[in-house]
Protein backbone atom coordinates (compact mmCIF):
# COMPACT_ATOMS: atom_id res chain seq x y z
CA MET A 1 0.00 0.00 0.00
CA THR A 2 1.23 3.46 -0.88
CA HIS A 3 1.41 6.02 1.94
CA TRP A 4 1.56 9.81 1.69
CA ASP A 5 0.80 12.87 3.74
CA ASN A 6 -2.00 15.28 2.88
CA SER A 7 0.21 18.00 1.39
CA THR A 8 0.40 18.44 -2.36
CA ARG A 9 3.86 19.06 -3.77
CA ALA A 10 4.02 22.11 -6.04
CA VAL A 11 4.79 20.96 -9.58
CA ASP A 12 5.18 23.20 -12.62
CA LEU A 13 4.13 21.21 -15.69
CA ARG A 14 6.02 23.62 -17.92
CA VAL A 15 9.24 21.92 -16.81
CA ALA A 16 8.19 18.63 -15.17
CA ALA A 17 8.73 15.25 -16.84
CA VAL A 18 5.34 14.18 -18.23
CA ASP A 19 6.09 11.44 -20.78
CA GLU A 20 4.62 8.70 -18.60
CA VAL A 21 1.47 10.75 -18.05
CA LEU A 22 1.02 11.36 -21.78
CA ASP A 23 1.66 7.66 -22.50
CA ARG A 24 -1.13 6.74 -20.09
CA VAL A 25 -3.49 9.24 -21.72
CA GLU A 26 -2.79 7.71 -25.14
CA ARG A 27 -3.57 4.22 -23.87
CA SER A 28 -6.73 5.29 -22.05
CA LEU A 29 -8.21 7.40 -24.86
CA GLN A 30 -6.91 5.08 -27.58
CA THR A 31 -5.33 7.84 -29.60
CA ARG A 32 -1.91 9.15 -30.47
CA LEU A 33 -0.84 12.53 -29.14
CA ASN A 34 1.15 14.78 -31.43
CA ARG A 35 4.07 15.64 -29.17
CA ASP A 36 5.14 18.41 -31.57
CA THR A 37 1.98 20.37 -30.71
CA VAL A 38 2.27 20.17 -26.91
CA VAL A 39 1.41 23.38 -25.07
CA ARG A 40 2.65 23.45 -21.48
CA LYS A 41 1.15 25.58 -18.73
CA ARG A 42 1.82 25.64 -15.02
CA ARG A 43 -0.83 23.06 -14.11
CA SER A 44 -1.97 21.69 -17.47
CA ILE A 45 -0.70 20.29 -20.76
CA GLY A 46 -2.53 20.44 -24.08
CA THR A 47 -1.84 18.59 -27.29
CA ARG A 48 -3.43 17.67 -30.60
CA THR A 49 -4.35 14.06 -31.37
CA ASP A 50 -4.13 11.95 -34.51
CA ARG A 51 -7.93 12.19 -34.92
CA ASP A 52 -7.96 15.99 -35.08
CA THR A 53 -9.12 16.58 -31.52
CA TRP A 54 -7.47 18.30 -28.57
CA VAL A 55 -6.56 16.75 -25.23
CA ARG A 56 -5.97 18.79 -22.08
CA VAL A 57 -4.29 17.08 -19.13
CA GLU A 58 -4.45 18.63 -15.67
CA ARG A 59 -2.73 17.85 -12.37
CA ARG A 60 -4.80 18.90 -9.35
CA GLY A 61 -4.32 18.14 -5.66
CA LEU A 62 -7.10 16.15 -4.02
CA ASP A 63 -7.50 19.00 -1.55
CA ARG A 64 -8.43 21.27 -4.50
CA ILE A 65 -11.14 19.06 -5.96
CA GLY A 66 -13.92 19.48 -3.43
CA VAL A 67 -17.22 17.65 -3.36
CA GLN A 68 -18.01 18.45 -7.01
CA GLY A 69 -15.10 16.44 -8.38
CA GLY A 70 -12.68 17.48 -11.09
CA ASP A 71 -14.93 17.03 -14.12
CA GLY A 72 -15.50 20.66 -15.09
CA THR A 73 -14.94 20.18 -18.83
CA ALA A 74 -17.21 17.15 -19.01
CA SER A 75 -20.00 18.70 -16.94
CA ALA A 76 -19.89 21.89 -19.03
CA GLU A 77 -21.12 19.83 -21.98
CA ALA A 78 -24.63 20.19 -20.52
CA LEU A 79 -24.50 23.97 -20.93
CA ARG A 80 -26.44 25.42 -23.86
CA GLY A 81 -26.08 28.53 -26.00
CA ILE A 82 -22.36 28.94 -25.35
CA ALA A 83 -19.62 28.98 -27.99
CA LYS A 84 -17.25 26.30 -26.70
CA PRO A 85 -15.57 23.16 -28.04
CA ALA A 86 -17.66 20.01 -27.66
CA TRP A 87 -16.43 17.46 -25.12
CA ARG A 88 -15.74 13.96 -26.50
CA ALA A 89 -14.17 11.82 -23.76
CA GLY A 90 -12.31 11.95 -20.48
CA VAL A 91 -10.22 9.85 -18.12
CA ALA A 92 -9.06 10.47 -14.56
CA TRP A 93 -6.82 8.63 -12.13
CA ARG A 94 -5.23 9.07 -8.74
CA ASP A 95 -1.50 9.47 -8.64
CA GLU A 96 0.28 6.46 -7.17
CA THR A 97 2.68 8.43 -4.98
CA GLU A 98 1.00 11.75 -4.14
CA PRO A 99 -2.47 13.03 -3.13
CA VAL A 100 -3.06 14.22 -6.68
CA MET A 101 -5.63 13.56 -9.39
CA TRP A 102 -4.69 13.57 -13.06
CA ARG A 103 -7.47 14.18 -15.57
CA ALA A 104 -7.43 14.24 -19.37
CA ASP A 105 -10.31 15.60 -21.45
CA GLU A 106 -10.65 15.30 -25.20
CA THR A 107 -12.56 18.00 -27.04
CA GLU A 108 -13.09 19.37 -30.51
CA LEU A 109 -10.33 21.52 -31.94
CA LEU A 110 -10.71 25.25 -31.37
CA PRO A 111 -11.99 27.39 -34.27
CA GLY A 112 -9.00 29.70 -33.99
CA ALA A 113 -5.98 30.63 -31.92
CA PRO A 114 -6.21 32.07 -28.40
CA VAL A 115 -6.62 35.85 -28.42
CA GLY A 116 -3.37 36.23 -26.50
CA SER A 117 -1.77 35.57 -23.15
CA ALA A 118 -4.01 35.71 -20.08
CA VAL A 119 -3.18 39.42 -19.64
CA VAL A 120 -2.75 41.30 -22.90
CA SER A 121 -0.44 44.26 -23.54
CA GLN A 122 -1.88 45.34 -26.89
CA ASP A 123 -5.36 45.67 -28.36
CA PRO A 124 -6.34 42.46 -30.23
CA GLN A 125 -8.61 44.52 -32.55
CA LEU A 126 -11.59 42.18 -32.28
CA PRO A 127 -14.45 42.43 -34.80
CA GLU A 128 -17.98 43.44 -33.77
CA GLU A 129 -19.24 39.91 -34.39
CA TRP A 130 -16.75 38.68 -31.80
CA TRP A 131 -18.14 40.98 -29.12
CA ALA A 132 -21.70 39.97 -30.00
CA ALA A 133 -20.79 36.28 -29.64
CA LEU A 134 -19.04 36.94 -26.32
CA ASN A 135 -22.10 38.71 -24.95
CA ALA A 136 -24.46 35.98 -26.14
CA SER A 137 -22.35 33.27 -24.50
CA MET A 138 -21.92 35.17 -21.23
CA ASP A 139 -25.64 35.89 -21.01
CA ALA A 140 -26.52 32.27 -21.77
CA LEU A 141 -24.10 30.99 -19.13
CA ALA A 142 -25.39 33.32 -16.42
CA ALA A 143 -28.96 32.13 -17.04
CA GLN A 144 -28.16 28.47 -16.28
CA ASN A 145 -27.99 26.89 -12.85
CA THR A 146 -25.66 24.28 -11.45
CA ASN A 147 -24.78 22.71 -8.12
CA ARG A 148 -21.10 23.31 -8.91
CA ILE A 149 -19.21 26.07 -7.11
CA ALA A 150 -16.60 27.95 -9.12
CA THR A 151 -12.96 27.25 -8.26
CA PRO A 152 -10.85 30.16 -9.58
CA ASP A 153 -7.15 29.30 -9.23
CA THR A 154 -8.43 25.90 -7.97
CA GLU A 155 -9.79 27.50 -4.76
CA THR A 156 -13.47 26.92 -4.00
CA LEU A 157 -15.16 30.31 -4.22
CA THR A 158 -16.87 30.95 -0.90
CA GLN A 159 -18.07 34.06 0.87
CA GLU A 160 -15.13 33.65 3.25
CA LEU A 161 -12.61 33.54 0.38
CA ILE A 162 -14.11 36.66 -1.18
CA THR A 163 -14.06 38.52 2.12
CA GLY A 164 -10.49 37.52 2.89
CA THR A 165 -9.21 38.47 -0.56
CA VAL A 166 -10.96 41.86 -0.66
CA HIS A 167 -10.18 42.77 2.96
CA SER A 168 -6.49 41.98 2.44
CA VAL A 169 -6.31 45.20 0.39
CA PHE A 170 -9.58 47.00 1.16
CA PRO A 171 -10.42 46.43 4.83
CA GLY A 172 -13.85 47.48 6.03
CA VAL A 173 -15.73 46.99 2.74
CA ASP A 174 -19.02 45.11 3.07
CA THR A 175 -18.33 41.99 1.02
CA THR A 176 -21.73 40.30 1.34
CA VAL A 177 -22.66 38.65 -1.96
CA THR A 178 -26.32 38.94 -2.93
CA GLU A 179 -26.56 37.08 -6.25
CA TRP A 180 -24.73 33.99 -7.49
CA ARG A 181 -24.74 32.96 -11.15
CA SER A 182 -22.99 30.38 -13.30
CA ALA A 183 -19.53 31.56 -14.35
CA HIS A 184 -16.54 30.25 -16.28
CA ALA A 185 -14.28 31.50 -13.44
CA ASP A 186 -11.09 31.63 -15.51
CA PHE A 187 -12.26 34.16 -18.08
CA ASN A 188 -9.17 35.70 -19.65
CA TRP A 189 -7.66 36.29 -23.08
CA ALA A 190 -5.75 32.99 -23.11
CA ASN A 191 -8.98 31.00 -22.78
CA MET A 192 -10.90 32.40 -25.75
CA THR A 193 -10.28 32.42 -29.48
CA ALA A 194 -10.41 34.95 -32.31
CA PRO A 195 -11.46 35.95 -34.90
CA VAL A 196 -14.21 33.42 -34.16
CA PHE A 197 -15.24 33.61 -30.50
CA CYS A 198 -15.01 30.41 -28.49
CA VAL A 199 -14.28 29.99 -24.79
CA PHE A 200 -12.45 26.92 -23.51
CA ASP A 201 -10.78 25.46 -20.38
CA TRP A 202 -13.93 24.87 -18.30
CA GLU A 203 -12.23 23.09 -15.40
CA ASP A 204 -13.17 25.73 -12.80
CA TRP A 205 -16.70 26.74 -13.82
CA GLY A 206 -19.58 26.90 -11.35
CA MET A 207 -21.68 29.33 -9.33
CA ALA A 208 -20.00 32.66 -8.55
CA PRO A 209 -21.03 36.19 -7.65
CA CYS A 210 -22.60 38.11 -10.53
CA GLY A 211 -19.87 39.87 -12.49
CA LEU A 212 -16.91 37.58 -11.79
CA ASP A 213 -16.24 36.74 -15.44
CA ALA A 214 -16.66 40.32 -16.59
CA ALA A 215 -14.36 41.57 -13.82
CA ASN A 216 -11.73 38.97 -14.68
CA LEU A 217 -11.71 39.97 -18.34
CA TRP A 218 -11.62 43.64 -17.44
CA GLY A 219 -8.67 43.05 -15.10
CA ALA A 220 -6.83 41.15 -17.83
CA SER A 221 -7.30 44.17 -20.12
CA LEU A 222 -6.10 46.99 -17.87
CA ALA A 223 -2.74 47.35 -19.62
CA VAL A 224 -4.73 48.44 -22.70
CA PRO A 225 -7.09 51.19 -21.45
CA ALA A 226 -9.26 51.22 -24.58
CA LEU A 227 -9.76 47.46 -24.33
CA ALA A 228 -10.60 47.62 -20.62
CA ASP A 229 -13.11 50.37 -21.40
CA ARG A 230 -14.66 48.20 -24.12
CA VAL A 231 -15.03 45.26 -21.76
CA ARG A 232 -16.64 47.52 -19.15
CA SER A 233 -18.99 48.98 -21.76
CA GLU A 234 -20.05 45.58 -23.11
CA ARG A 235 -20.60 44.10 -19.64
CA ARG A 236 -21.85 47.19 -17.85
CA ASP A 237 -25.03 45.44 -16.71
CA ASP A 238 -22.87 42.98 -14.75
CA LEU A 239 -20.17 45.32 -13.50
CA ASP A 240 -22.48 48.12 -12.35
CA THR A 241 -24.36 45.84 -9.95
CA ARG A 242 -23.30 45.75 -6.32
CA ASP A 243 -21.91 42.25 -6.78
CA GLY A 244 -20.17 43.35 -9.97
CA LYS A 245 -18.43 46.14 -8.05
CA LEU A 246 -17.48 43.65 -5.37
CA MET A 247 -16.01 41.33 -8.01
CA THR A 248 -14.08 44.28 -9.44
CA LEU A 249 -12.47 44.74 -6.01
CA PHE A 250 -11.89 40.98 -5.78
CA VAL A 251 -9.91 41.11 -9.04
CA VAL A 252 -8.13 44.36 -8.15
CA ALA A 253 -7.09 42.93 -4.78
CA LYS A 254 -5.24 40.16 -6.59
CA ILE A 255 -3.49 42.71 -8.83
CA LEU A 256 -2.51 45.02 -5.95
CA GLY A 257 -1.90 42.34 -3.30
CA PRO A 258 1.36 41.00 -1.83
CA CYS A 259 2.39 39.38 -5.12
CA ALA A 260 2.04 42.61 -7.13
CA GLU A 261 4.75 43.26 -9.70
CA PRO A 262 6.06 46.85 -9.41
CA ALA A 263 6.33 47.10 -13.19
CA ASP A 264 2.80 45.79 -13.85
CA PRO A 265 1.12 48.43 -16.06
CA ARG A 266 -2.23 47.51 -14.54
CA LEU A 267 -1.35 48.86 -11.09
CA GLY A 268 -2.25 52.49 -11.76
CA PRO A 269 -5.61 51.85 -13.47
CA ALA A 270 -6.46 49.22 -10.85
CA ARG A 271 -5.86 51.65 -7.95
CA GLU A 272 -7.84 54.39 -9.69
CA THR A 273 -10.81 52.12 -10.27
CA ALA A 274 -10.60 50.72 -6.75
CA ASP A 275 -10.80 54.19 -5.20
CA ARG A 276 -13.98 54.91 -7.14
CA VAL A 277 -15.59 51.52 -6.50
CA VAL A 278 -14.88 51.56 -2.76
CA LYS A 279 -16.58 54.95 -2.49
CA GLU A 280 -19.56 53.72 -4.50
CA LEU A 281 -19.96 50.65 -2.29
CA GLN A 282 -19.71 52.72 0.88
CA THR A 283 -22.31 55.25 -0.29
CA GLY A 284 -24.59 52.90 -2.21
């Protein structure tokens, strides 16, 4: 019997050895992975298959799975009216030496390339049809219910987490959430395509305060003021709600918090917006 403690070792899949993991995925899904197309991220690996599909492999600690399991991509297949790649198959297993779950999900290929990195530094010049498709998908998602709870950055989104994050930078703000809606929870420029809009990487979706996705995308756009303004304009109905303002502070707190980069061009716009939003929450 294998024994381990309850701590999960930090592993960066951009540099970790993963050949054995990919071999297991090939056997389980009965496909060949094109190793020349592998895209490595900190906690996931993506690659094209020999049947023109895409496989994403994720490593997640058992302590970050929660009661809903780690099947975000598969469960998102039940969502309707959203531009996203169709899910085809999945496999999951428990690591033999650590308290970790590996999961691989096979989906359709994306209709285009990701818009950019998670946080963009230049305007992607998106067509009007793209913005219309984004709005339609976001509205459709918010209208659907689930028993899943969103897990941004693999942390289950609770009232306590929101309060702790916001108060770490903005103490004294009333952080009570009044409305929860379905959200992607990792809504940034690296997880959507252009020129055809499609949103992918659904591992963390679930119920979240109204405005979380809009606030995330706005925060990822702050280095390009015109783009951030466009996001705010398109999603004003979300961001101007009390919960939307709270989610704006939630995102800003992560930008301005202890891990803030002094050279981050988003710092100034984030502080300016935070000053305004805090005042609005205190007087509204």
